[in-house]
N, C-alpha and C. Protein backbone atom coordinates (compact mmCIF):
# COMPACT_ATOMS: atom_id res chain seq x y z
N MET A 1 34.92 14.63 -6.47
CA MET A 1 33.63 14.09 -5.23
C MET A 1 34.59 13.84 -4.08
N ARG A 2 34.50 14.36 -2.90
CA ARG A 2 35.44 14.14 -1.75
C ARG A 2 34.82 13.33 -1.29
N PRO A 3 36.04 12.33 -0.58
CA PRO A 3 35.71 11.21 0.18
C PRO A 3 34.47 11.10 1.24
N LYS A 4 33.85 10.48 1.42
CA LYS A 4 32.72 10.23 2.52
C LYS A 4 33.18 9.49 3.73
N TYR A 5 33.71 8.19 3.05
CA TYR A 5 34.09 7.09 4.16
C TYR A 5 35.45 6.70 4.31
N ARG A 6 35.92 6.46 5.48
CA ARG A 6 37.52 6.15 5.18
C ARG A 6 37.72 4.89 6.23
N ASN A 7 38.48 3.89 5.26
CA ASN A 7 39.02 2.29 5.94
C ASN A 7 39.86 2.90 7.37
N PRO A 8 39.23 2.28 8.27
CA PRO A 8 39.81 2.71 9.69
C PRO A 8 41.46 1.98 9.80
N LYS A 9 41.30 0.85 9.19
CA LYS A 9 42.30 -0.09 9.04
C LYS A 9 43.35 0.71 8.04
N SER A 10 43.08 1.06 7.28
CA SER A 10 44.16 1.67 6.21
C SER A 10 43.50 3.25 5.58
N PRO A 11 44.00 4.32 6.76
CA PRO A 11 43.55 5.47 6.34
C PRO A 11 43.41 6.10 4.89
N PRO A 12 44.50 5.73 4.36
CA PRO A 12 44.58 6.26 2.66
C PRO A 12 43.30 5.61 1.80
N GLU A 13 42.98 4.32 2.30
CA GLU A 13 41.61 4.06 1.48
C GLU A 13 40.60 4.86 1.86
N THR A 14 39.87 5.75 0.89
CA THR A 14 38.77 6.16 1.11
C THR A 14 37.45 5.83 0.01
N TRP A 15 36.17 6.32 0.14
CA TRP A 15 35.05 5.95 -0.88
C TRP A 15 34.39 7.33 -0.92
N SER A 16 33.54 7.70 -1.71
CA SER A 16 33.02 8.61 -2.10
C SER A 16 31.56 8.32 -1.59
N GLY A 17 31.17 7.39 -1.80
CA GLY A 17 29.53 7.14 -1.37
C GLY A 17 28.95 6.33 -3.10
N ARG A 18 29.87 6.84 -4.07
CA ARG A 18 28.92 6.77 -5.32
C ARG A 18 29.68 5.56 -5.82
N GLY A 19 29.16 4.84 -6.55
CA GLY A 19 29.58 3.82 -7.33
C GLY A 19 29.51 2.72 -6.63
N LYS A 20 30.42 1.23 -7.11
CA LYS A 20 30.36 0.11 -6.57
C LYS A 20 31.13 0.29 -4.82
N MET A 21 30.51 0.04 -4.04
CA MET A 21 31.15 -0.20 -2.61
C MET A 21 32.34 -0.84 -2.82
N PRO A 22 33.51 -0.42 -2.12
CA PRO A 22 35.07 -0.69 -2.01
C PRO A 22 35.07 -2.24 -1.33
N ARG A 23 36.00 -2.98 -1.84
CA ARG A 23 36.21 -4.35 -1.34
C ARG A 23 36.80 -4.32 0.29
N TRP A 24 36.99 -3.14 0.52
CA TRP A 24 37.51 -3.15 2.09
C TRP A 24 35.80 -2.65 2.95
N LEU A 25 35.22 -1.90 2.45
CA LEU A 25 33.93 -1.95 3.17
C LEU A 25 32.70 -2.87 2.87
N ASP A 26 32.71 -3.73 1.95
CA ASP A 26 31.60 -4.52 1.44
C ASP A 26 31.65 -5.70 2.76
N PRO A 27 32.69 -6.51 3.09
CA PRO A 27 32.75 -7.47 4.01
C PRO A 27 32.33 -6.83 5.62
N GLN A 28 32.48 -5.30 5.45
CA GLN A 28 32.42 -4.68 6.83
C GLN A 28 30.78 -4.59 6.91
N VAL A 29 30.13 -4.16 5.79
CA VAL A 29 28.74 -4.10 6.01
C VAL A 29 28.03 -5.34 6.25
N ARG A 30 28.41 -6.45 5.43
CA ARG A 30 27.95 -7.50 5.75
C ARG A 30 27.75 -8.18 6.71
N SER A 31 28.96 -7.98 7.44
CA SER A 31 29.06 -8.56 8.97
C SER A 31 28.74 -7.88 9.80
N ASP A 32 27.31 -7.01 9.78
CA ASP A 32 26.43 -6.57 10.32
C ASP A 32 26.84 -5.09 11.23
N ARG A 33 28.23 -4.43 10.67
CA ARG A 33 28.63 -3.30 10.88
C ARG A 33 27.65 -2.14 10.15
N LYS A 34 27.43 -0.84 10.62
CA LYS A 34 27.16 0.36 9.83
C LYS A 34 27.49 0.95 9.38
N LEU A 35 27.23 1.41 8.02
CA LEU A 35 28.15 2.21 7.34
C LEU A 35 28.40 3.59 7.87
N GLY A 36 27.79 4.04 8.67
CA GLY A 36 27.89 5.32 9.26
C GLY A 36 29.16 5.08 10.57
N GLU A 37 29.82 4.03 10.73
CA GLU A 37 30.65 4.02 11.21
C GLU A 37 32.13 4.19 10.58
N PHE A 38 31.88 4.46 9.46
CA PHE A 38 33.26 4.60 8.39
C PHE A 38 33.02 6.28 7.87
N ILE A 39 32.12 6.95 8.58
CA ILE A 39 31.78 8.31 8.11
C ILE A 39 33.23 8.80 8.43
N ILE A 40 33.92 9.94 7.55
CA ILE A 40 34.94 10.83 7.88
C ILE A 40 34.74 11.71 8.62
N GLY A 41 35.50 12.13 9.87
CA GLY A 41 35.09 12.98 10.38
C GLY A 41 34.14 12.86 11.98
N ARG A 42 33.64 11.45 12.11
CA ARG A 42 33.26 11.11 13.17
C ARG A 42 33.92 9.99 14.24
N SER A 43 33.76 10.48 15.66
CA SER A 43 34.30 9.69 16.04
C SER A 43 33.47 8.36 16.40
N ALA A 44 34.07 7.27 16.94
CA ALA A 44 33.57 6.10 17.03
C ALA A 44 32.72 6.27 18.63
N ARG A 45 32.85 7.25 19.59
CA ARG A 45 31.95 7.56 20.19
C ARG A 45 30.73 8.09 19.89
N ASN A 46 30.69 9.03 19.11
CA ASN A 46 29.19 9.27 17.97
C ASN A 46 28.73 8.28 17.43
N CYS A 47 29.41 7.37 16.95
CA CYS A 47 28.86 6.44 16.05
C CYS A 47 28.07 5.34 16.94
N SER A 48 28.43 5.24 18.20
CA SER A 48 27.75 4.24 19.11
C SER A 48 26.36 4.74 19.74
N GLN A 49 26.21 6.06 19.52
CA GLN A 49 25.40 6.37 20.29
C GLN A 49 23.95 6.44 19.65
N LYS A 50 22.81 6.21 20.19
CA LYS A 50 21.55 6.34 19.20
C LYS A 50 20.88 7.58 19.09
N SER A 51 20.30 7.68 17.93
CA SER A 51 20.05 9.17 17.63
C SER A 51 18.18 9.20 18.18
């Protein structure tokens, strides 16, 4: 399975979106950040715009 999410502080850390949420991502989501902010291939500018 290809990775879908990337840790911006440590780019080698990725997650496919399946299974348990990784340790680096769980606290970020709990602190009101959106999961979409971590999608690989999205720029920060695209994530901040409302659909």
